[in-house]
């Protein structure tokens, strides 16, 4: 494991390498950020957004929490999405889960997790919505993997419910929400190929906020 002192030594080496490749790198980085992507992922230490995407500083706006949840009453997550869409003008919102997710696994257990209960309830609600499909999967590990995927799908739907996201799509038809899963066993990303336009079309009968006041999320 890396030591505390090694972190700062590594940082100095990294900074020297960046300046060596481009003397104006940090000057340009400090001037502004214009990422095209907002990445909403899990806090798991094995899943680092920029590294697995092959992206550099300034290219991805990142928000992470346990099990990549987008709870519409979570001020932190909703503020990140609103800022990214309104002020950074991101073109893509990515919700990325990962197999072997501890949060998803914890939600599958029938046990009291204390202060985590309200948060894990978001995942248990996903299980409830897809209980027939999930219970039909006999292999526990395959069921676990599928819940990871379904959790990503439902969080993408939660993103699509937001007024700021619906307005961004009305303004720019190339704007999209994507669902990914990172496989920690292979290092590969899996695009769930969710049809954002179809999802938005289906939910707008109930969640149509395209004409909502600008100060709403």
C-alpha atoms as a PDB file:
ATOM      1  CA  UNK A   1       0.000   0.000   0.000  1.00  0.00           C
ATOM      2  CA  UNK A   2       1.111   3.553  -0.703  1.00  0.00           C
ATOM      3  CA  UNK A   3       2.387   5.521   2.302  1.00  0.00           C
ATOM      4  CA  UNK A   4       1.299   9.035   3.208  1.00  0.00           C
ATOM      5  CA  UNK A   5       4.677  10.546   2.291  1.00  0.00           C
ATOM      6  CA  UNK A   6       4.756   8.671  -1.006  1.00  0.00           C
ATOM      7  CA  UNK A   7       1.564  10.427  -2.063  1.00  0.00           C
ATOM      8  CA  UNK A   8       3.296  13.820  -2.053  1.00  0.00           C
ATOM      9  CA  UNK A   9       6.408  12.441  -3.728  1.00  0.00           C
ATOM     10  CA  UNK A  10       4.242  10.957  -6.460  1.00  0.00           C
ATOM     11  CA  UNK A  11       2.431  14.265  -6.831  1.00  0.00           C
ATOM     12  CA  UNK A  12       5.681  16.157  -7.331  1.00  0.00           C
ATOM     13  CA  UNK A  13       6.782  13.628  -9.948  1.00  0.00           C
ATOM     14  CA  UNK A  14       3.433  13.907 -11.718  1.00  0.00           C
ATOM     15  CA  UNK A  15       3.606  17.723 -11.771  1.00  0.00           C
ATOM     16  CA  UNK A  16       7.153  17.636 -13.176  1.00  0.00           C
ATOM     17  CA  UNK A  17       6.100  15.207 -15.905  1.00  0.00           C
ATOM     18  CA  UNK A  18       3.158  17.403 -16.922  1.00  0.00           C
ATOM     19  CA  UNK A  19       5.311  20.514 -17.120  1.00  0.00           C
ATOM     20  CA  UNK A  20       7.965  18.585 -19.011  1.00  0.00           C
ATOM     21  CA  UNK A  21       5.426  17.578 -21.663  1.00  0.00           C
ATOM     22  CA  UNK A  22       3.768  20.996 -21.758  1.00  0.00           C
ATOM     23  CA  UNK A  23       5.232  23.968 -19.813  1.00  0.00           C
ATOM     24  CA  UNK A  24       1.870  25.781 -19.970  1.00  0.00           C
ATOM     25  CA  UNK A  25      -0.141  22.767 -18.750  1.00  0.00           C
ATOM     26  CA  UNK A  26      -1.082  24.094 -15.310  1.00  0.00           C
ATOM     27  CA  UNK A  27      -1.504  27.660 -16.532  1.00  0.00           C
ATOM     28  CA  UNK A  28      -4.095  26.408 -18.995  1.00  0.00           C
ATOM     29  CA  UNK A  29      -5.664  24.087 -16.427  1.00  0.00           C
ATOM     30  CA  UNK A  30      -6.071  26.915 -13.922  1.00  0.00           C
ATOM     31  CA  UNK A  31      -7.758  29.190 -16.453  1.00  0.00           C
ATOM     32  CA  UNK A  32     -11.008  27.244 -16.858  1.00  0.00           C
ATOM     33  CA  UNK A  33     -12.682  23.874 -17.179  1.00  0.00           C
ATOM     34  CA  UNK A  34     -14.854  22.835 -20.119  1.00  0.00           C
ATOM     35  CA  UNK A  35     -15.622  19.139 -19.694  1.00  0.00           C
ATOM     36  CA  UNK A  36     -18.079  17.438 -22.023  1.00  0.00           C
ATOM     37  CA  UNK A  37     -18.774  14.681 -19.507  1.00  0.00           C
ATOM     38  CA  UNK A  38     -20.310  14.456 -16.057  1.00  0.00           C
ATOM     39  CA  UNK A  39     -19.408  11.100 -14.477  1.00  0.00           C
ATOM     40  CA  UNK A  40     -21.519   9.875 -11.557  1.00  0.00           C
ATOM     41  CA  UNK A  41     -19.831   6.818 -10.096  1.00  0.00           C
ATOM     42  CA  UNK A  42     -19.255   4.773  -6.976  1.00  0.00           C
ATOM     43  CA  UNK A  43     -16.868   5.841  -4.224  1.00  0.00           C
ATOM     44  CA  UNK A  44     -15.170   2.423  -4.374  1.00  0.00           C
ATOM     45  CA  UNK A  45     -11.388   2.875  -4.267  1.00  0.00           C
ATOM     46  CA  UNK A  46     -10.920   0.435  -7.175  1.00  0.00           C
ATOM     47  CA  UNK A  47     -12.919   2.551  -9.621  1.00  0.00           C
ATOM     48  CA  UNK A  48     -11.253   5.809 -10.700  1.00  0.00           C
ATOM     49  CA  UNK A  49     -13.193   7.739 -13.325  1.00  0.00           C
ATOM     50  CA  UNK A  50     -10.503   9.512 -15.331  1.00  0.00           C
ATOM     51  CA  UNK A  51      -8.104   6.564 -15.331  1.00  0.00           C
ATOM     52  CA  UNK A  52     -10.583   3.993 -16.623  1.00  0.00           C
ATOM     53  CA  UNK A  53     -11.792   6.464 -19.265  1.00  0.00           C
ATOM     54  CA  UNK A  54      -8.293   7.420 -20.355  1.00  0.00           C
ATOM     55  CA  UNK A  55      -9.170  11.073 -19.680  1.00  0.00           C
ATOM     56  CA  UNK A  56      -6.969  13.846 -18.367  1.00  0.00           C
ATOM     57  CA  UNK A  57      -7.482  16.730 -15.915  1.00  0.00           C
ATOM     58  CA  UNK A  58     -10.249  19.084 -17.014  1.00  0.00           C
ATOM     59  CA  UNK A  59     -11.987  16.551 -19.278  1.00  0.00           C
ATOM     60  CA  UNK A  60     -14.448  14.939 -16.840  1.00  0.00           C
ATOM     61  CA  UNK A  61     -16.544  16.482 -14.061  1.00  0.00           C
ATOM     62  CA  UNK A  62     -16.844  13.799 -11.372  1.00  0.00           C
ATOM     63  CA  UNK A  63     -19.260  12.992  -8.585  1.00  0.00           C
ATOM     64  CA  UNK A  64     -18.987   9.789  -6.550  1.00  0.00           C
ATOM     65  CA  UNK A  65     -21.001   8.236  -3.744  1.00  0.00           C
ATOM     66  CA  UNK A  66     -21.796   4.777  -2.405  1.00  0.00           C
ATOM     67  CA  UNK A  67     -23.307   2.691  -5.240  1.00  0.00           C
ATOM     68  CA  UNK A  68     -23.614   5.639  -7.666  1.00  0.00           C
ATOM     69  CA  UNK A  69     -27.043   6.691  -6.393  1.00  0.00           C
ATOM     70  CA  UNK A  70     -28.961   9.632  -7.857  1.00  0.00           C
ATOM     71  CA  UNK A  71     -31.482  10.405  -5.125  1.00  0.00           C
ATOM     72  CA  UNK A  72     -33.569  13.404  -6.092  1.00  0.00           C
ATOM     73  CA  UNK A  73     -33.654  14.610  -2.468  1.00  0.00           C
ATOM     74  CA  UNK A  74     -29.851  14.436  -2.172  1.00  0.00           C
ATOM     75  CA  UNK A  75     -28.793  18.086  -2.405  1.00  0.00           C
ATOM     76  CA  UNK A  76     -25.180  17.126  -3.079  1.00  0.00           C
ATOM     77  CA  UNK A  77     -25.836  15.013  -6.174  1.00  0.00           C
ATOM     78  CA  UNK A  78     -28.530  17.269  -7.586  1.00  0.00           C
ATOM     79  CA  UNK A  79     -26.327  20.341  -7.119  1.00  0.00           C
ATOM     80  CA  UNK A  80     -23.503  18.628  -9.007  1.00  0.00           C
ATOM     81  CA  UNK A  81     -25.820  17.739 -11.899  1.00  0.00           C
ATOM     82  CA  UNK A  82     -27.320  21.237 -12.022  1.00  0.00           C
ATOM     83  CA  UNK A  83     -23.902  22.908 -11.976  1.00  0.00           C
ATOM     84  CA  UNK A  84     -22.512  20.579 -14.635  1.00  0.00           C
ATOM     85  CA  UNK A  85     -25.454  21.085 -16.970  1.00  0.00           C
ATOM     86  CA  UNK A  86     -26.173  24.792 -16.408  1.00  0.00           C
ATOM     87  CA  UNK A  87     -22.703  26.247 -15.973  1.00  0.00           C
ATOM     88  CA  UNK A  88     -20.269  23.737 -17.471  1.00  0.00           C
ATOM     89  CA  UNK A  89     -22.572  22.865 -20.358  1.00  0.00           C
ATOM     90  CA  UNK A  90     -21.713  19.170 -20.303  1.00  0.00           C
ATOM     91  CA  UNK A  91     -23.043  17.160 -23.246  1.00  0.00           C
ATOM     92  CA  UNK A  92     -23.099  13.729 -21.622  1.00  0.00           C
ATOM     93  CA  UNK A  93     -24.079  12.505 -18.158  1.00  0.00           C
ATOM     94  CA  UNK A  94     -22.713   9.058 -17.335  1.00  0.00           C
ATOM     95  CA  UNK A  95     -23.904   6.914 -14.444  1.00  0.00           C
ATOM     96  CA  UNK A  96     -21.275   4.216 -13.957  1.00  0.00           C
ATOM     97  CA  UNK A  97     -21.721   1.299 -11.594  1.00  0.00           C
ATOM     98  CA  UNK A  98     -19.350  -1.604 -11.160  1.00  0.00           C
ATOM     99  CA  UNK A  99     -19.548  -5.318 -10.552  1.00  0.00           C
ATOM    100  CA  UNK A 100     -18.529  -6.451  -7.044  1.00  0.00           C
ATOM    101  CA  UNK A 101     -20.084  -3.264  -5.643  1.00  0.00           C
ATOM    102  CA  UNK A 102     -20.120  -3.391  -1.847  1.00  0.00           C
ATOM    103  CA  UNK A 103     -23.087  -1.017  -1.599  1.00  0.00           C
ATOM    104  CA  UNK A 104     -25.238  -3.143  -3.881  1.00  0.00           C
ATOM    105  CA  UNK A 105     -24.212  -6.308  -2.054  1.00  0.00           C
ATOM    106  CA  UNK A 106     -25.047  -4.746   1.307  1.00  0.00           C
ATOM    107  CA  UNK A 107     -28.498  -3.803   0.019  1.00  0.00           C
ATOM    108  CA  UNK A 108     -29.108  -7.447  -0.890  1.00  0.00           C
ATOM    109  CA  UNK A 109     -28.597  -8.516   2.726  1.00  0.00           C
ATOM    110  CA  UNK A 110     -31.531  -8.629   5.141  1.00  0.00           C
ATOM    111  CA  UNK A 111     -29.723  -6.885   7.956  1.00  0.00           C
ATOM    112  CA  UNK A 112     -29.782  -3.583   9.801  1.00  0.00           C
ATOM    113  CA  UNK A 113     -26.955  -1.425   8.437  1.00  0.00           C
ATOM    114  CA  UNK A 114     -27.586   1.452  10.829  1.00  0.00           C
ATOM    115  CA  UNK A 115     -27.061   4.912   9.359  1.00  0.00           C
ATOM    116  CA  UNK A 116     -26.636   3.340   5.898  1.00  0.00           C
ATOM    117  CA  UNK A 117     -30.228   2.063   5.863  1.00  0.00           C
ATOM    118  CA  UNK A 118     -31.818   5.132   4.190  1.00  0.00           C
ATOM    119  CA  UNK A 119     -29.131   5.201   1.501  1.00  0.00           C
ATOM    120  CA  UNK A 120     -29.246   1.472   0.787  1.00  0.00           C
ATOM    121  CA  UNK A 121     -33.029   1.684   0.591  1.00  0.00           C
ATOM    122  CA  UNK A 122     -32.572   3.327  -2.797  1.00  0.00           C
ATOM    123  CA  UNK A 123     -30.997   0.094  -4.055  1.00  0.00           C
ATOM    124  CA  UNK A 124     -33.540  -2.092  -2.285  1.00  0.00           C
ATOM    125  CA  UNK A 125     -36.235  -0.124  -4.101  1.00  0.00           C
ATOM    126  CA  UNK A 126     -34.538  -1.079  -7.372  1.00  0.00           C
ATOM    127  CA  UNK A 127     -34.674  -4.714  -6.292  1.00  0.00           C
ATOM    128  CA  UNK A 128     -38.382  -4.340  -5.483  1.00  0.00           C
ATOM    129  CA  UNK A 129     -39.107  -2.865  -8.918  1.00  0.00           C
ATOM    130  CA  UNK A 130     -37.320  -5.750 -10.669  1.00  0.00           C
ATOM    131  CA  UNK A 131     -37.959  -8.509  -8.136  1.00  0.00           C
ATOM    132  CA  UNK A 132     -39.534 -10.955 -10.593  1.00  0.00           C
ATOM    133  CA  UNK A 133     -36.564 -10.798 -12.962  1.00  0.00           C
ATOM    134  CA  UNK A 134     -33.963 -10.919 -10.197  1.00  0.00           C
ATOM    135  CA  UNK A 135     -35.533 -13.772  -8.237  1.00  0.00           C
ATOM    136  CA  UNK A 136     -35.666 -15.839 -11.420  1.00  0.00           C
ATOM    137  CA  UNK A 137     -31.850 -15.753 -11.575  1.00  0.00           C
ATOM    138  CA  UNK A 138     -30.678 -18.804  -9.623  1.00  0.00           C
ATOM    139  CA  UNK A 139     -26.952 -18.006  -9.505  1.00  0.00           C
ATOM    140  CA  UNK A 140     -26.400 -15.492  -6.642  1.00  0.00           C
ATOM    141  CA  UNK A 141     -23.417 -13.880  -8.381  1.00  0.00           C
ATOM    142  CA  UNK A 142     -25.328 -13.454 -11.638  1.00  0.00           C
ATOM    143  CA  UNK A 143     -28.240 -11.948  -9.674  1.00  0.00           C
ATOM    144  CA  UNK A 144     -25.783  -9.593  -7.963  1.00  0.00           C
ATOM    145  CA  UNK A 145     -24.337  -8.501 -11.323  1.00  0.00           C
ATOM    146  CA  UNK A 146     -27.791  -7.934 -12.758  1.00  0.00           C
ATOM    147  CA  UNK A 147     -28.831  -5.773  -9.800  1.00  0.00           C
ATOM    148  CA  UNK A 148     -25.720  -3.658 -10.402  1.00  0.00           C
ATOM    149  CA  UNK A 149     -26.908  -3.105 -13.989  1.00  0.00           C
ATOM    150  CA  UNK A 150     -30.511  -2.420 -13.003  1.00  0.00           C
ATOM    151  CA  UNK A 151     -29.357   0.033 -10.354  1.00  0.00           C
ATOM    152  CA  UNK A 152     -27.457   1.980 -13.018  1.00  0.00           C
ATOM    153  CA  UNK A 153     -30.540   1.936 -15.236  1.00  0.00           C
ATOM    154  CA  UNK A 154     -32.804   3.289 -12.489  1.00  0.00           C
ATOM    155  CA  UNK A 155     -30.310   6.012 -11.548  1.00  0.00           C
ATOM    156  CA  UNK A 156     -30.219   7.094 -15.211  1.00  0.00           C
ATOM    157  CA  UNK A 157     -34.010   7.334 -15.076  1.00  0.00           C
ATOM    158  CA  UNK A 158     -33.695   9.475 -11.937  1.00  0.00           C
ATOM    159  CA  UNK A 159     -31.299  11.773 -13.792  1.00  0.00           C
ATOM    160  CA  UNK A 160     -33.788  12.037 -16.649  1.00  0.00           C
ATOM    161  CA  UNK A 161     -36.546  13.128 -14.250  1.00  0.00           C
ATOM    162  CA  UNK A 162     -34.727  16.381 -13.456  1.00  0.00           C
ATOM    163  CA  UNK A 163     -35.949  19.612 -15.023  1.00  0.00           C
ATOM    164  CA  UNK A 164     -32.415  20.822 -15.690  1.00  0.00           C
ATOM    165  CA  UNK A 165     -31.697  17.658 -17.689  1.00  0.00           C
ATOM    166  CA  UNK A 166     -34.941  17.801 -19.654  1.00  0.00           C
ATOM    167  CA  UNK A 167     -34.303  21.438 -20.538  1.00  0.00           C
ATOM    168  CA  UNK A 168     -30.760  20.631 -21.638  1.00  0.00           C
ATOM    169  CA  UNK A 169     -32.128  18.039 -24.048  1.00  0.00           C
ATOM    170  CA  UNK A 170     -34.751  20.449 -25.415  1.00  0.00           C
ATOM    171  CA  UNK A 171     -31.946  22.946 -26.003  1.00  0.00           C
ATOM    172  CA  UNK A 172     -29.517  20.428 -27.517  1.00  0.00           C
ATOM    173  CA  UNK A 173     -30.820  17.169 -28.997  1.00  0.00           C
ATOM    174  CA  UNK A 174     -27.282  15.714 -28.866  1.00  0.00           C
ATOM    175  CA  UNK A 175     -27.374  15.870 -25.053  1.00  0.00           C
ATOM    176  CA  UNK A 176     -27.629  12.382 -23.570  1.00  0.00           C
ATOM    177  CA  UNK A 177     -27.564  10.257 -20.418  1.00  0.00           C
ATOM    178  CA  UNK A 178     -25.606   6.988 -20.471  1.00  0.00           C
ATOM    179  CA  UNK A 179     -25.483   3.921 -18.235  1.00  0.00           C
ATOM    180  CA  UNK A 180     -22.180   2.082 -17.861  1.00  0.00           C
ATOM    181  CA  UNK A 181     -20.829  -0.738 -15.723  1.00  0.00           C
ATOM    182  CA  UNK A 182     -17.132  -1.175 -14.988  1.00  0.00           C
ATOM    183  CA  UNK A 183     -16.025  -4.781 -14.651  1.00  0.00           C
ATOM    184  CA  UNK A 184     -13.327  -4.835 -11.976  1.00  0.00           C
ATOM    185  CA  UNK A 185     -12.528  -8.423 -12.986  1.00  0.00           C
ATOM    186  CA  UNK A 186     -11.459  -7.479 -16.518  1.00  0.00           C
ATOM    187  CA  UNK A 187     -10.876  -3.719 -16.412  1.00  0.00           C
ATOM    188  CA  UNK A 188     -13.421  -3.165 -19.184  1.00  0.00           C
ATOM    189  CA  UNK A 189     -16.330  -0.777 -19.408  1.00  0.00           C
ATOM    190  CA  UNK A 190     -19.734  -2.068 -20.481  1.00  0.00           C
ATOM    191  CA  UNK A 191     -22.175   0.314 -22.140  1.00  0.00           C
ATOM    192  CA  UNK A 192     -25.693  -0.765 -21.165  1.00  0.00           C
ATOM    193  CA  UNK A 193     -26.871   1.019 -24.329  1.00  0.00           C
ATOM    194  CA  UNK A 194     -29.860   2.612 -22.617  1.00  0.00           C
ATOM    195  CA  UNK A 195     -32.111   4.517 -24.994  1.00  0.00           C
ATOM    196  CA  UNK A 196     -32.153   7.943 -23.321  1.00  0.00           C
ATOM    197  CA  UNK A 197     -34.613   9.452 -25.787  1.00  0.00           C
ATOM    198  CA  UNK A 198     -37.027   6.557 -25.300  1.00  0.00           C
ATOM    199  CA  UNK A 199     -36.685   6.744 -21.509  1.00  0.00           C
ATOM    200  CA  UNK A 200     -37.347  10.474 -21.575  1.00  0.00           C
ATOM    201  CA  UNK A 201     -40.334  10.036 -23.860  1.00  0.00           C
ATOM    202  CA  UNK A 202     -41.849   7.376 -21.588  1.00  0.00           C
ATOM    203  CA  UNK A 203     -41.442   9.267 -18.315  1.00  0.00           C
ATOM    204  CA  UNK A 204     -42.390  12.746 -19.509  1.00  0.00           C
ATOM    205  CA  UNK A 205     -46.109  11.998 -19.204  1.00  0.00           C
ATOM    206  CA  UNK A 206     -45.529  12.080 -15.447  1.00  0.00           C
ATOM    207  CA  UNK A 207     -42.208  13.876 -15.038  1.00  0.00           C
ATOM    208  CA  UNK A 208     -42.435  16.520 -17.767  1.00  0.00           C
ATOM    209  CA  UNK A 209     -40.641  19.489 -16.213  1.00  0.00           C
ATOM    210  CA  UNK A 210     -39.414  21.070 -19.439  1.00  0.00           C
ATOM    211  CA  UNK A 211     -41.496  24.164 -18.749  1.00  0.00           C
ATOM    212  CA  UNK A 212     -40.618  24.314 -15.060  1.00  0.00           C
ATOM    213  CA  UNK A 213     -39.150  27.549 -13.617  1.00  0.00           C
ATOM    214  CA  UNK A 214     -35.417  27.971 -14.154  1.00  0.00           C
ATOM    215  CA  UNK A 215     -34.650  27.776 -10.441  1.00  0.00           C
ATOM    216  CA  UNK A 216     -35.856  24.190 -10.195  1.00  0.00           C
ATOM    217  CA  UNK A 217     -33.522  21.210 -10.494  1.00  0.00           C
END
